[in-house]
N, C-alpha and C. Protein backbone atom coordinates (compact mmCIF):
# COMPACT_ATOMS: atom_id res chain seq x y z
N MET A 1 6.96 15.96 23.68
CA MET A 1 6.03 16.94 24.03
C MET A 1 4.35 16.81 24.21
N TYR A 2 3.58 14.88 24.20
CA TYR A 2 2.72 15.31 24.42
C TYR A 2 2.90 13.77 26.44
N THR A 3 1.66 14.53 26.96
CA THR A 3 1.90 13.48 27.76
C THR A 3 1.27 12.68 28.20
N ALA A 4 1.27 12.09 29.20
CA ALA A 4 0.41 10.15 29.38
C ALA A 4 -0.84 10.26 29.02
N GLU A 5 -1.21 11.23 29.64
CA GLU A 5 -2.57 11.43 29.35
C GLU A 5 -3.07 12.27 28.30
N ASP A 6 -2.85 12.73 27.21
CA ASP A 6 -2.96 12.79 26.08
C ASP A 6 -2.65 11.54 25.35
N LEU A 7 -1.61 11.06 25.74
CA LEU A 7 -1.64 9.02 25.42
C LEU A 7 -3.15 8.54 25.08
N GLU A 8 -3.10 8.45 26.02
CA GLU A 8 -4.58 7.37 26.57
C GLU A 8 -5.91 8.74 26.16
N GLN A 9 -6.04 9.24 26.06
CA GLN A 9 -7.20 10.42 25.50
C GLN A 9 -7.36 10.36 23.72
N MET A 10 -5.83 10.13 23.07
CA MET A 10 -5.73 9.34 22.16
C MET A 10 -5.81 7.56 21.36
N LYS A 11 -6.05 7.42 22.79
CA LYS A 11 -6.29 5.30 22.78
C LYS A 11 -7.80 5.43 23.19
N ARG A 12 -8.10 6.73 23.52
CA ARG A 12 -9.72 5.79 23.85
C ARG A 12 -10.20 6.89 22.80
N LEU A 13 -10.41 7.75 21.48
CA LEU A 13 -10.92 8.46 21.50
C LEU A 13 -10.76 6.92 20.34
N HIS A 14 -9.81 7.11 19.08
CA HIS A 14 -9.54 6.10 18.69
C HIS A 14 -10.33 4.57 18.73
N GLU A 15 -10.30 3.79 19.49
CA GLU A 15 -10.85 3.31 20.11
C GLU A 15 -12.05 3.65 20.31
N ARG A 16 -12.96 5.04 19.76
CA ARG A 16 -14.48 5.27 19.30
C ARG A 16 -14.92 5.34 17.69
N GLY A 17 -13.42 5.01 17.60
CA GLY A 17 -13.87 5.16 15.87
C GLY A 17 -13.63 6.88 15.64
N LYS A 18 -13.39 8.01 15.89
CA LYS A 18 -12.37 9.35 15.77
C LYS A 18 -11.59 8.65 14.31
N THR A 19 -11.46 9.80 13.28
CA THR A 19 -10.31 10.21 12.07
C THR A 19 -9.49 10.41 13.28
N VAL A 20 -8.23 10.55 12.50
CA VAL A 20 -6.56 11.29 13.34
C VAL A 20 -6.70 12.73 13.22
N LEU A 21 -7.72 13.19 12.64
CA LEU A 21 -7.79 14.29 12.37
C LEU A 21 -8.78 14.96 13.52
N GLU A 22 -10.09 14.26 13.44
CA GLU A 22 -10.53 14.20 14.71
C GLU A 22 -9.34 14.59 16.08
N ILE A 23 -9.16 13.29 16.12
CA ILE A 23 -8.15 13.44 16.83
C ILE A 23 -7.17 14.30 17.69
N HIS A 24 -6.70 14.73 16.55
CA HIS A 24 -5.83 15.87 16.62
C HIS A 24 -6.28 17.10 16.53
N ALA A 25 -7.77 17.35 16.85
CA ALA A 25 -8.10 18.15 16.29
C ALA A 25 -8.98 18.15 18.13
N ALA A 26 -9.38 17.51 18.77
CA ALA A 26 -9.46 17.24 19.92
C ALA A 26 -8.13 17.64 21.27
N ILE A 27 -6.85 16.52 21.05
CA ILE A 27 -5.78 17.03 21.51
C ILE A 27 -4.77 18.33 22.23
N GLY A 28 -5.03 19.30 20.39
CA GLY A 28 -5.62 20.40 20.59
C GLY A 28 -3.33 20.78 20.54
N LYS A 29 -2.34 19.37 19.80
CA LYS A 29 -1.58 19.56 19.86
C LYS A 29 -0.57 19.17 19.13
N GLY A 30 0.39 19.70 18.49
CA GLY A 30 1.50 19.04 17.27
C GLY A 30 1.38 18.86 16.18
N THR A 31 1.06 17.69 14.75
CA THR A 31 0.68 18.27 14.01
C THR A 31 -0.21 17.12 13.72
N GLU A 32 -1.02 16.95 12.41
CA GLU A 32 -2.13 15.23 12.11
C GLU A 32 -0.73 14.42 11.88
N GLN A 33 0.08 14.36 11.05
CA GLN A 33 0.55 14.34 11.38
C GLN A 33 1.36 13.05 12.60
N ALA A 34 2.10 14.23 13.18
CA ALA A 34 2.65 13.27 14.68
C ALA A 34 1.48 12.49 15.39
N VAL A 35 0.07 12.55 15.73
CA VAL A 35 -0.75 11.95 15.93
C VAL A 35 -1.13 11.31 15.41
N ARG A 36 -0.77 11.03 14.06
CA ARG A 36 -0.88 9.47 13.40
C ARG A 36 0.25 8.30 13.77
N PHE A 37 2.00 9.08 13.82
CA PHE A 37 3.25 8.44 13.65
C PHE A 37 2.64 8.07 15.77
N ARG A 38 2.28 8.69 16.91
CA ARG A 38 2.12 8.62 17.96
C ARG A 38 0.89 6.97 17.71
N LEU A 39 -0.78 7.42 16.88
CA LEU A 39 -0.97 6.35 17.14
C LEU A 39 -0.59 4.70 16.61
N GLN A 40 0.31 5.06 15.71
CA GLN A 40 1.69 3.57 15.17
C GLN A 40 1.88 3.41 16.13
N ARG A 41 2.73 3.88 17.18
CA ARG A 41 3.23 3.72 18.10
C ARG A 41 2.87 3.19 18.82
N LEU A 42 1.48 3.13 19.65
CA LEU A 42 0.68 2.35 20.40
C LEU A 42 -0.14 1.40 20.03
N GLY A 43 -0.04 1.25 18.62
CA GLY A 43 -0.63 -0.09 18.50
C GLY A 43 -1.93 -0.39 17.46
N CYS A 44 -2.09 1.35 18.08
CA CYS A 44 -4.08 1.66 17.38
C CYS A 44 -3.67 1.05 15.63
N ILE A 45 -2.73 1.72 14.76
CA ILE A 45 -2.37 2.19 13.69
C ILE A 45 -1.80 1.56 12.83
N THR A 46 -1.90 0.67 11.83
CA THR A 46 -0.69 0.42 11.44
C THR A 46 -0.57 0.47 10.27
N LYS A 47 0.94 0.89 9.39
CA LYS A 47 1.26 0.92 8.08
C LYS A 47 1.16 0.08 7.13
N LYS A 48 -0.20 -0.03 6.18
CA LYS A 48 -0.37 -0.67 5.44
C LYS A 48 0.57 -0.55 3.94
N PRO A 49 1.44 -1.19 3.22
CA PRO A 49 1.76 -1.17 1.49
C PRO A 49 0.54 -0.61 1.34
N ARG A 50 0.51 0.14 0.30
CA ARG A 50 -0.77 0.47 -0.39
C ARG A 50 -1.31 -1.46 -1.48
N ARG A 51 -2.06 -0.99 -1.91
CA ARG A 51 -2.25 -2.77 -3.04
C ARG A 51 -2.19 -2.07 -4.95
N LEU A 52 -1.92 -2.30 -5.51
CA LEU A 52 -1.67 -1.49 -6.66
C LEU A 52 -3.51 -3.05 -6.79
N ALA A 53 -4.72 -2.15 -8.22
CA ALA A 53 -5.18 -3.23 -8.34
C ALA A 53 -4.20 -3.66 -9.63
N ARG A 54 -4.99 -4.81 -9.57
CA ARG A 54 -4.30 -6.13 -10.46
C ARG A 54 -4.99 -5.77 -11.77
N HIS A 55 -4.25 -5.75 -12.40
CA HIS A 55 -5.17 -5.65 -14.19
C HIS A 55 -5.55 -7.23 -14.70
N PRO A 56 -6.32 -6.22 -15.16
CA PRO A 56 -6.64 -7.12 -15.98
C PRO A 56 -6.97 -9.02 -16.41
N ARG A 57 -6.26 -8.55 -16.99
CA ARG A 57 -5.25 -9.74 -18.11
C ARG A 57 -4.43 -10.19 -16.71
N THR A 58 -3.87 -10.09 -15.89
CA THR A 58 -2.69 -10.59 -15.16
C THR A 58 -2.73 -12.08 -15.36
N LYS A 59 -4.40 -12.91 -15.18
CA LYS A 59 -3.70 -14.45 -14.85
C LYS A 59 -3.58 -14.47 -16.15
N ASP A 60 -3.18 -13.81 -17.57
CA ASP A 60 -2.92 -14.36 -18.69
C ASP A 60 -1.18 -14.26 -18.93
N ILE A 61 -0.85 -13.53 -18.71
CA ILE A 61 0.50 -12.80 -18.08
C ILE A 61 1.12 -13.05 -17.39
N LEU A 62 0.45 -14.33 -16.71
CA LEU A 62 1.52 -14.75 -16.04
C LEU A 62 1.27 -16.32 -16.71
N ARG A 63 0.30 -16.71 -16.54
CA ARG A 63 0.32 -17.95 -17.87
C ARG A 63 1.32 -17.83 -18.86
N LEU A 64 1.24 -16.77 -19.48
CA LEU A 64 1.96 -17.27 -20.48
C LEU A 64 3.73 -17.01 -20.42
N HIS A 65 3.94 -16.44 -19.27
CA HIS A 65 4.68 -15.95 -18.91
C HIS A 65 5.85 -17.60 -18.47
N ARG A 66 4.89 -18.16 -16.93
CA ARG A 66 4.85 -19.77 -17.28
C ARG A 66 5.33 -20.46 -18.44
N GLU A 67 5.33 -20.53 -19.52
CA GLU A 67 4.99 -20.81 -20.32
C GLU A 67 6.11 -20.49 -21.33
N GLY A 68 7.04 -20.20 -21.31
CA GLY A 68 8.04 -19.20 -21.63
C GLY A 68 8.35 -17.98 -22.43
N ALA A 69 7.12 -17.37 -22.35
CA ALA A 69 7.05 -16.19 -23.65
C ALA A 69 7.95 -14.65 -22.99
N THR A 70 8.35 -14.60 -23.25
CA THR A 70 9.06 -12.73 -23.20
C THR A 70 7.75 -11.80 -22.62
N ALA A 71 8.54 -9.80 -22.38
CA ALA A 71 7.26 -9.99 -22.14
C ALA A 71 7.07 -9.21 -23.47
N LEU A 72 8.18 -9.40 -24.68
CA LEU A 72 8.16 -8.93 -25.19
C LEU A 72 6.38 -9.59 -26.61
N GLU A 73 7.32 -10.47 -26.42
CA GLU A 73 6.04 -12.29 -27.78
C GLU A 73 4.61 -11.83 -26.57
N ILE A 74 4.36 -11.77 -24.84
CA ILE A 74 3.39 -11.65 -24.25
C ILE A 74 2.53 -10.18 -24.98
N ALA A 75 3.35 -9.03 -25.08
CA ALA A 75 2.63 -8.63 -25.02
C ALA A 75 1.38 -7.75 -26.76
N SER A 76 2.58 -8.88 -26.78
CA SER A 76 2.44 -8.46 -28.78
C SER A 76 0.73 -9.99 -29.16
N ARG A 77 0.27 -10.82 -27.61
CA ARG A 77 0.54 -11.34 -28.17
C ARG A 77 -1.47 -11.13 -27.32
N LEU A 78 -1.61 -10.59 -26.46
CA LEU A 78 -2.39 -10.12 -26.09
C LEU A 78 -2.75 -9.06 -26.57
N GLY A 79 -1.71 -7.79 -27.16
CA GLY A 79 -2.37 -6.75 -27.83
C GLY A 79 -2.04 -5.27 -26.46
N ILE A 80 -1.19 -5.52 -25.60
CA ILE A 80 -0.98 -4.72 -24.41
C ILE A 80 0.99 -4.87 -24.56
N ASP A 81 0.78 -2.71 -24.21
CA ASP A 81 1.88 -2.40 -23.88
C ASP A 81 2.71 -3.08 -23.13
N HIS A 82 4.02 -3.38 -23.96
CA HIS A 82 4.79 -4.48 -23.38
C HIS A 82 4.93 -3.76 -21.71
N LYS A 83 5.59 -2.94 -21.40
CA LYS A 83 6.24 -2.02 -20.25
C LYS A 83 4.35 -2.19 -19.21
N VAL A 84 3.67 -2.08 -19.65
CA VAL A 84 2.67 -3.21 -18.88
C VAL A 84 2.90 -4.03 -18.33
N VAL A 85 3.26 -4.95 -19.59
CA VAL A 85 3.60 -6.68 -19.23
C VAL A 85 5.15 -6.42 -17.87
N CYS A 86 5.97 -6.18 -18.40
CA CYS A 86 6.47 -5.13 -16.99
C CYS A 86 6.11 -4.95 -15.61
N ARG A 87 5.35 -4.06 -15.66
CA ARG A 87 5.03 -2.85 -14.52
C ARG A 87 3.59 -5.01 -13.50
N VAL A 88 3.00 -5.50 -14.54
CA VAL A 88 2.22 -6.75 -14.11
C VAL A 88 3.63 -7.60 -13.18
N LEU A 89 4.18 -8.10 -14.59
CA LEU A 89 5.80 -9.53 -13.50
C LEU A 89 5.90 -8.68 -12.26
N ARG A 90 6.78 -8.02 -12.75
CA ARG A 90 7.55 -7.08 -11.57
C ARG A 90 6.99 -7.15 -9.69
N GLY A 91 5.25 -6.25 -10.27
CA GLY A 91 3.58 -6.89 -9.08
C GLY A 91 4.07 -8.23 -8.53
N GLU A 92 4.18 -8.84 -8.84
CA GLU A 92 3.62 -9.79 -8.61
C GLU A 92 4.81 -10.69 -8.53
N GLY A 93 6.29 -10.04 -8.62
CA GLY A 93 7.32 -10.90 -7.23
C GLY A 93 8.07 -11.42 -9.23
N ILE A 94 8.02 -11.48 -9.79
CA ILE A 94 9.05 -12.36 -10.76
C ILE A 94 9.67 -11.44 -11.28
N ALA A 95 10.84 -10.90 -10.81
CA ALA A 95 12.48 -10.92 -11.17
C ALA A 95 12.80 -10.66 -12.71
N LEU A 96 12.63 -9.70 -13.36
CA LEU A 96 13.15 -9.47 -15.25
C LEU A 96 14.46 -9.32 -15.29
N SER A 97 14.82 -9.94 -16.68
CA SER A 97 16.42 -9.93 -16.79
C SER A 97 16.53 -9.13 -18.60
N LEU A 98 17.41 -8.89 -18.51
CA LEU A 98 17.17 -8.03 -20.23
C LEU A 98 17.46 -8.95 -20.87
N THR A 99 18.10 -10.16 -20.23
CA THR A 99 18.66 -10.76 -21.41
C THR A 99 17.96 -12.21 -22.01
């Protein structure tokens, strides 16, 4: 679909700071998603997982978890929902068990 000249033009435009939408408009072929995919394959842009914002009480939640408190105990001590506690712990890479 894209010729070698198109790929070189994509690289040049990206190096100049053009956005994917601007590069797509300049090339005039394919879709915006196809341009993004080609730029990723060329190594110009990378997929970075979105990182969720940390909860303001994350340090307190982790401290209490290290002390051996369950998610329900942590939630009641801090006055927040236990689902939030579970989400924070999972987000920090802590596997939760049902027991």
